[in-house]
Amino acid sequence: MPENSRFLAPLFEAFGALDVELRPRLVEEDEQGHGLWRTFDIFVRWPGGLKQRHDHLSFGQKRMLAFLWYQAVYHNVPVFTDELTNGLHAAWARQITDLLAGRQAFHAVQNPLMLDMAGPGSEEETASRFVLCETEVSETGRRWRWRNPTAEEAHELRVAWDAGFQSLSEILLSRGLW
């Protein structure tokens, strides 16, 4: 693997790629020969010698590549995602949850895959890491209310998770928390 591509190691592992090459794209050149570079192409080299430009990758491969790029460039800031696992093979989603371990992250999810892979954590972590959305109806209409699970709800989630019969998404759904 090229030294400047180490941040893409999970991509190599997930896809079985041999190499990833970033090629800057020259947009224009001035009279002095100075180039204006605006963007770049990413090429993935596969076993067998096939080289594929990024716009020919699958939807899931593009999402994984974009996430890994973000992860490398913004490694010391929180991660914000919206449906991160859409289009990803379950093994790729597992790699992403492993990469995010110990990093502050905010995820909007409808797909249970990420929740089920991450698990609830300890009772204290569950009470602080989940944000639940509820709808309140009042005289002025409906509005959303955001809150963390109560200590009791966090305890119940952890007990249900430890029993091992249901995934986290099933537990949250059965309690009306998701």
C-alpha atoms as a PDB file:
ATOM      1  CA  MET A   1       0.000   0.000   0.000  1.00  0.00           C
ATOM      2  CA  PRO A   2       1.398   3.440  -0.879  1.00  0.00           C
ATOM      3  CA  GLU A   3       2.604   5.451   2.134  1.00  0.00           C
ATOM      4  CA  ASN A   4       0.294   8.397   1.349  1.00  0.00           C
ATOM      5  CA  SER A   5      -2.729   6.080   1.245  1.00  0.00           C
ATOM      6  CA  ARG A   6      -2.501   4.568   4.750  1.00  0.00           C
ATOM      7  CA  PHE A   7      -5.774   6.231   5.775  1.00  0.00           C
ATOM      8  CA  LEU A   8      -7.465   4.129   3.102  1.00  0.00           C
ATOM      9  CA  ALA A   9      -6.293   0.832   4.648  1.00  0.00           C
ATOM     10  CA  PRO A  10      -9.880  -0.127   5.595  1.00  0.00           C
ATOM     11  CA  LEU A  11     -10.847   0.417   1.952  1.00  0.00           C
ATOM     12  CA  PHE A  12      -8.166  -2.017   0.831  1.00  0.00           C
ATOM     13  CA  GLU A  13      -9.380  -4.530   3.407  1.00  0.00           C
ATOM     14  CA  ALA A  14     -13.072  -4.077   2.626  1.00  0.00           C
ATOM     15  CA  PHE A  15     -12.813  -4.077  -1.162  1.00  0.00           C
ATOM     16  CA  GLY A  16      -9.777  -6.245  -1.735  1.00  0.00           C
ATOM     17  CA  ALA A  17      -8.207  -3.324  -3.640  1.00  0.00           C
ATOM     18  CA  LEU A  18      -4.473  -3.389  -4.318  1.00  0.00           C
ATOM     19  CA  ASP A  19      -3.878   0.326  -4.695  1.00  0.00           C
ATOM     20  CA  VAL A  20      -5.630   3.689  -4.637  1.00  0.00           C
ATOM     21  CA  GLU A  21      -4.210   6.560  -6.670  1.00  0.00           C
ATOM     22  CA  LEU A  22      -5.188  10.222  -6.405  1.00  0.00           C
ATOM     23  CA  ARG A  23      -4.572  12.242  -9.573  1.00  0.00           C
ATOM     24  CA  PRO A  24      -5.016  16.031  -9.483  1.00  0.00           C
ATOM     25  CA  ARG A  25      -6.929  17.497 -12.407  1.00  0.00           C
ATOM     26  CA  LEU A  26      -5.465  20.565 -14.134  1.00  0.00           C
ATOM     27  CA  VAL A  27      -8.189  23.106 -14.888  1.00  0.00           C
ATOM     28  CA  GLU A  28      -6.130  25.828 -16.574  1.00  0.00           C
ATOM     29  CA  GLU A  29      -2.606  27.113 -16.919  1.00  0.00           C
ATOM     30  CA  ASP A  30      -1.495  30.762 -16.940  1.00  0.00           C
ATOM     31  CA  GLU A  31       1.189  32.439 -19.111  1.00  0.00           C
ATOM     32  CA  GLN A  32       3.943  31.610 -16.603  1.00  0.00           C
ATOM     33  CA  GLY A  33       3.059  27.933 -16.694  1.00  0.00           C
ATOM     34  CA  HIS A  34       1.437  27.891 -13.242  1.00  0.00           C
ATOM     35  CA  GLY A  35      -1.381  25.420 -13.091  1.00  0.00           C
ATOM     36  CA  LEU A  36      -4.747  25.786 -11.436  1.00  0.00           C
ATOM     37  CA  TRP A  37      -5.776  22.482  -9.929  1.00  0.00           C
ATOM     38  CA  ARG A  38      -9.382  22.252  -8.816  1.00  0.00           C
ATOM     39  CA  THR A  39     -10.212  18.652  -8.222  1.00  0.00           C
ATOM     40  CA  PHE A  40      -8.783  15.191  -8.552  1.00  0.00           C
ATOM     41  CA  ASP A  41      -9.728  11.739  -9.712  1.00  0.00           C
ATOM     42  CA  ILE A  42      -9.372   8.665  -7.559  1.00  0.00           C
ATOM     43  CA  PHE A  43      -8.410   5.398  -9.212  1.00  0.00           C
ATOM     44  CA  VAL A  44      -8.742   2.014  -7.510  1.00  0.00           C
ATOM     45  CA  ARG A  45      -6.596  -0.845  -8.811  1.00  0.00           C
ATOM     46  CA  TRP A  46      -8.064  -4.309  -8.346  1.00  0.00           C
ATOM     47  CA  PRO A  47      -6.477  -7.764  -8.432  1.00  0.00           C
ATOM     48  CA  GLY A  48      -6.087  -8.710 -12.081  1.00  0.00           C
ATOM     49  CA  GLY A  49      -4.918  -5.217 -13.038  1.00  0.00           C
ATOM     50  CA  LEU A  50      -8.257  -3.460 -13.616  1.00  0.00           C
ATOM     51  CA  LYS A  51      -8.071   0.252 -12.754  1.00  0.00           C
ATOM     52  CA  GLN A  52     -11.401   1.903 -12.000  1.00  0.00           C
ATOM     53  CA  ARG A  53     -12.056   5.644 -11.649  1.00  0.00           C
ATOM     54  CA  HIS A  54     -14.090   6.727  -8.605  1.00  0.00           C
ATOM     55  CA  ASP A  55     -17.183   7.628 -10.634  1.00  0.00           C
ATOM     56  CA  HIS A  56     -17.386   3.996 -11.793  1.00  0.00           C
ATOM     57  CA  LEU A  57     -17.430   2.551  -8.277  1.00  0.00           C
ATOM     58  CA  SER A  58     -20.662   1.207  -6.804  1.00  0.00           C
ATOM     59  CA  PHE A  59     -22.855   3.419  -4.619  1.00  0.00           C
ATOM     60  CA  GLY A  60     -21.621   1.644  -1.477  1.00  0.00           C
ATOM     61  CA  GLN A  61     -17.969   1.818  -2.535  1.00  0.00           C
ATOM     62  CA  LYS A  62     -18.303   5.572  -3.126  1.00  0.00           C
ATOM     63  CA  ARG A  63     -19.894   6.045   0.295  1.00  0.00           C
ATOM     64  CA  MET A  64     -17.150   4.026   1.981  1.00  0.00           C
ATOM     65  CA  LEU A  65     -14.453   5.955   0.122  1.00  0.00           C
ATOM     66  CA  ALA A  66     -16.052   9.300   1.043  1.00  0.00           C
ATOM     67  CA  PHE A  67     -16.357   8.297   4.695  1.00  0.00           C
ATOM     68  CA  LEU A  68     -12.738   7.131   4.905  1.00  0.00           C
ATOM     69  CA  TRP A  69     -11.591  10.343   3.263  1.00  0.00           C
ATOM     70  CA  TYR A  70     -13.589  12.387   5.791  1.00  0.00           C
ATOM     71  CA  GLN A  71     -12.268  10.239   8.625  1.00  0.00           C
ATOM     72  CA  ALA A  72      -8.679  10.904   7.543  1.00  0.00           C
ATOM     73  CA  VAL A  73      -9.022  14.628   6.875  1.00  0.00           C
ATOM     74  CA  TYR A  74     -11.163  15.467   9.910  1.00  0.00           C
ATOM     75  CA  HIS A  75      -9.731  12.969  12.375  1.00  0.00           C
ATOM     76  CA  ASN A  76      -9.944  15.262  15.407  1.00  0.00           C
ATOM     77  CA  VAL A  77     -13.486  16.614  15.055  1.00  0.00           C
ATOM     78  CA  PRO A  78     -16.822  14.905  15.756  1.00  0.00           C
ATOM     79  CA  VAL A  79     -18.394  12.850  12.986  1.00  0.00           C
ATOM     80  CA  PHE A  80     -21.903  13.731  11.786  1.00  0.00           C
ATOM     81  CA  THR A  81     -23.631  11.202   9.540  1.00  0.00           C
ATOM     82  CA  ASP A  82     -27.027  10.685   7.996  1.00  0.00           C
ATOM     83  CA  GLU A  83     -27.830   7.082   7.106  1.00  0.00           C
ATOM     84  CA  LEU A  84     -24.146   6.184   6.884  1.00  0.00           C
ATOM     85  CA  THR A  85     -24.715   2.470   6.312  1.00  0.00           C
ATOM     86  CA  ASN A  86     -27.043   2.855   3.303  1.00  0.00           C
ATOM     87  CA  GLY A  87     -25.590   0.966   0.365  1.00  0.00           C
ATOM     88  CA  LEU A  88     -22.900  -0.704   2.445  1.00  0.00           C
ATOM     89  CA  HIS A  89     -22.268  -4.402   2.838  1.00  0.00           C
ATOM     90  CA  ALA A  90     -22.632  -5.479   6.475  1.00  0.00           C
ATOM     91  CA  ALA A  91     -18.869  -6.142   6.704  1.00  0.00           C
ATOM     92  CA  TRP A  92     -18.165  -2.561   5.592  1.00  0.00           C
ATOM     93  CA  ALA A  93     -20.626  -1.217   8.143  1.00  0.00           C
ATOM     94  CA  ARG A  94     -18.810  -3.253  10.813  1.00  0.00           C
ATOM     95  CA  GLN A  95     -15.502  -1.704   9.738  1.00  0.00           C
ATOM     96  CA  ILE A  96     -17.014   1.755  10.055  1.00  0.00           C
ATOM     97  CA  THR A  97     -18.317   1.106  13.571  1.00  0.00           C
ATOM     98  CA  ASP A  98     -14.871  -0.240  14.508  1.00  0.00           C
ATOM     99  CA  LEU A  99     -13.188   2.870  13.044  1.00  0.00           C
ATOM    100  CA  LEU A 100     -15.497   5.132  15.036  1.00  0.00           C
ATOM    101  CA  ALA A 101     -14.745   3.445  18.370  1.00  0.00           C
ATOM    102  CA  GLY A 102     -13.697   6.078  20.869  1.00  0.00           C
ATOM    103  CA  ARG A 103     -14.634   8.977  18.592  1.00  0.00           C
ATOM    104  CA  GLN A 104     -17.508  11.369  19.219  1.00  0.00           C
ATOM    105  CA  ALA A 105     -20.127  10.752  16.547  1.00  0.00           C
ATOM    106  CA  PHE A 106     -23.698  11.777  15.828  1.00  0.00           C
ATOM    107  CA  HIS A 107     -25.741   9.495  13.579  1.00  0.00           C
ATOM    108  CA  ALA A 108     -29.219   9.897  12.163  1.00  0.00           C
ATOM    109  CA  VAL A 109     -30.429   6.366  11.415  1.00  0.00           C
ATOM    110  CA  GLN A 110     -33.539   4.669  10.151  1.00  0.00           C
ATOM    111  CA  ASN A 111     -31.677   1.511   9.171  1.00  0.00           C
ATOM    112  CA  PRO A 112     -31.100  -0.729  12.221  1.00  0.00           C
ATOM    113  CA  LEU A 113     -27.733  -2.043  11.004  1.00  0.00           C
ATOM    114  CA  MET A 114     -25.550   0.579  12.670  1.00  0.00           C
ATOM    115  CA  LEU A 115     -27.477   0.470  15.952  1.00  0.00           C
ATOM    116  CA  ASP A 116     -27.312  -3.301  16.094  1.00  0.00           C
ATOM    117  CA  MET A 117     -23.578  -3.373  15.423  1.00  0.00           C
ATOM    118  CA  ALA A 118     -22.735  -0.648  17.926  1.00  0.00           C
ATOM    119  CA  GLY A 119     -24.806  -2.002  20.800  1.00  0.00           C
ATOM    120  CA  PRO A 120     -26.023   0.091  23.720  1.00  0.00           C
ATOM    121  CA  GLY A 121     -22.819   0.394  25.753  1.00  0.00           C
ATOM    122  CA  SER A 122     -22.983   0.580  29.540  1.00  0.00           C
ATOM    123  CA  GLU A 123     -26.060   1.985  31.284  1.00  0.00           C
ATOM    124  CA  GLU A 124     -24.268   5.307  31.743  1.00  0.00           C
ATOM    125  CA  GLU A 125     -23.228   5.390  28.077  1.00  0.00           C
ATOM    126  CA  THR A 126     -26.748   4.487  26.964  1.00  0.00           C
ATOM    127  CA  ALA A 127     -28.233   7.297  29.043  1.00  0.00           C
ATOM    128  CA  SER A 128     -25.875   9.820  27.450  1.00  0.00           C
ATOM    129  CA  ARG A 129     -25.236   8.524  23.930  1.00  0.00           C
ATOM    130  CA  PHE A 130     -28.800   8.076  22.682  1.00  0.00           C
ATOM    131  CA  VAL A 131     -31.073  10.974  21.813  1.00  0.00           C
ATOM    132  CA  LEU A 132     -34.730  10.057  21.555  1.00  0.00           C
ATOM    133  CA  CYS A 133     -37.260  12.036  19.568  1.00  0.00           C
ATOM    134  CA  GLU A 134     -40.853  12.207  20.768  1.00  0.00           C
ATOM    135  CA  THR A 135     -43.859  14.001  19.337  1.00  0.00           C
ATOM    136  CA  GLU A 136     -45.850  16.176  21.706  1.00  0.00           C
ATOM    137  CA  VAL A 137     -49.334  17.377  20.849  1.00  0.00           C
ATOM    138  CA  SER A 138     -50.519  20.630  22.368  1.00  0.00           C
ATOM    139  CA  GLU A 139     -53.099  23.316  21.668  1.00  0.00           C
ATOM    140  CA  THR A 140     -50.645  24.983  19.290  1.00  0.00           C
ATOM    141  CA  GLY A 141     -50.005  21.805  17.312  1.00  0.00           C
ATOM    142  CA  ARG A 142     -47.417  19.069  17.224  1.00  0.00           C
ATOM    143  CA  ARG A 143     -43.784  19.512  18.052  1.00  0.00           C
ATOM    144  CA  TRP A 144     -40.771  17.333  18.522  1.00  0.00           C
ATOM    145  CA  ARG A 145     -39.097  16.915  21.865  1.00  0.00           C
ATOM    146  CA  TRP A 146     -35.566  15.568  22.125  1.00  0.00           C
ATOM    147  CA  ARG A 147     -34.268  13.828  25.240  1.00  0.00           C
ATOM    148  CA  ASN A 148     -31.817  11.263  26.527  1.00  0.00           C
ATOM    149  CA  PRO A 149     -33.109   7.985  27.958  1.00  0.00           C
ATOM    150  CA  THR A 150     -33.898   8.077  31.655  1.00  0.00           C
ATOM    151  CA  ALA A 151     -31.706   6.034  34.001  1.00  0.00           C
ATOM    152  CA  GLU A 152     -34.545   3.499  34.237  1.00  0.00           C
ATOM    153  CA  GLU A 153     -34.869   3.218  30.438  1.00  0.00           C
ATOM    154  CA  ALA A 154     -31.091   2.844  30.097  1.00  0.00           C
ATOM    155  CA  HIS A 155     -31.118   0.078  32.716  1.00  0.00           C
ATOM    156  CA  GLU A 156     -33.988  -1.737  30.950  1.00  0.00           C
ATOM    157  CA  LEU A 157     -32.195  -1.491  27.594  1.00  0.00           C
ATOM    158  CA  ARG A 158     -28.997  -2.904  29.056  1.00  0.00           C
ATOM    159  CA  VAL A 159     -30.830  -5.779  30.801  1.00  0.00           C
ATOM    160  CA  ALA A 160     -32.697  -6.640  27.584  1.00  0.00           C
ATOM    161  CA  TRP A 161     -29.462  -6.440  25.572  1.00  0.00           C
ATOM    162  CA  ASP A 162     -27.614  -8.670  28.053  1.00  0.00           C
ATOM    163  CA  ALA A 163     -30.374 -11.297  27.770  1.00  0.00           C
ATOM    164  CA  GLY A 164     -29.207 -11.774  24.177  1.00  0.00           C
ATOM    165  CA  PHE A 165     -32.593 -12.478  22.586  1.00  0.00           C
ATOM    166  CA  GLN A 166     -33.112  -9.233  20.672  1.00  0.00           C
ATOM    167  CA  SER A 167     -31.034  -6.823  18.663  1.00  0.00           C
ATOM    168  CA  LEU A 168     -30.769  -3.250  19.906  1.00  0.00           C
ATOM    169  CA  SER A 169     -33.166  -1.997  17.235  1.00  0.00           C
ATOM    170  CA  GLU A 170     -35.765  -4.598  18.262  1.00  0.00           C
ATOM    171  CA  ILE A 171     -35.398  -3.593  21.913  1.00  0.00           C
ATOM    172  CA  LEU A 172     -35.805   0.111  21.107  1.00  0.00           C
ATOM    173  CA  LEU A 173     -38.813  -0.578  18.853  1.00  0.00           C
ATOM    174  CA  SER A 174     -40.515  -2.835  21.409  1.00  0.00           C
ATOM    175  CA  ARG A 175     -40.317  -0.039  23.989  1.00  0.00           C
ATOM    176  CA  GLY A 176     -41.469   2.692  21.623  1.00  0.00           C
ATOM    177  CA  LEU A 177     -38.077   4.410  21.816  1.00  0.00           C
ATOM    178  CA  TRP A 178     -37.291   4.280  18.098  1.00  0.00           C
END
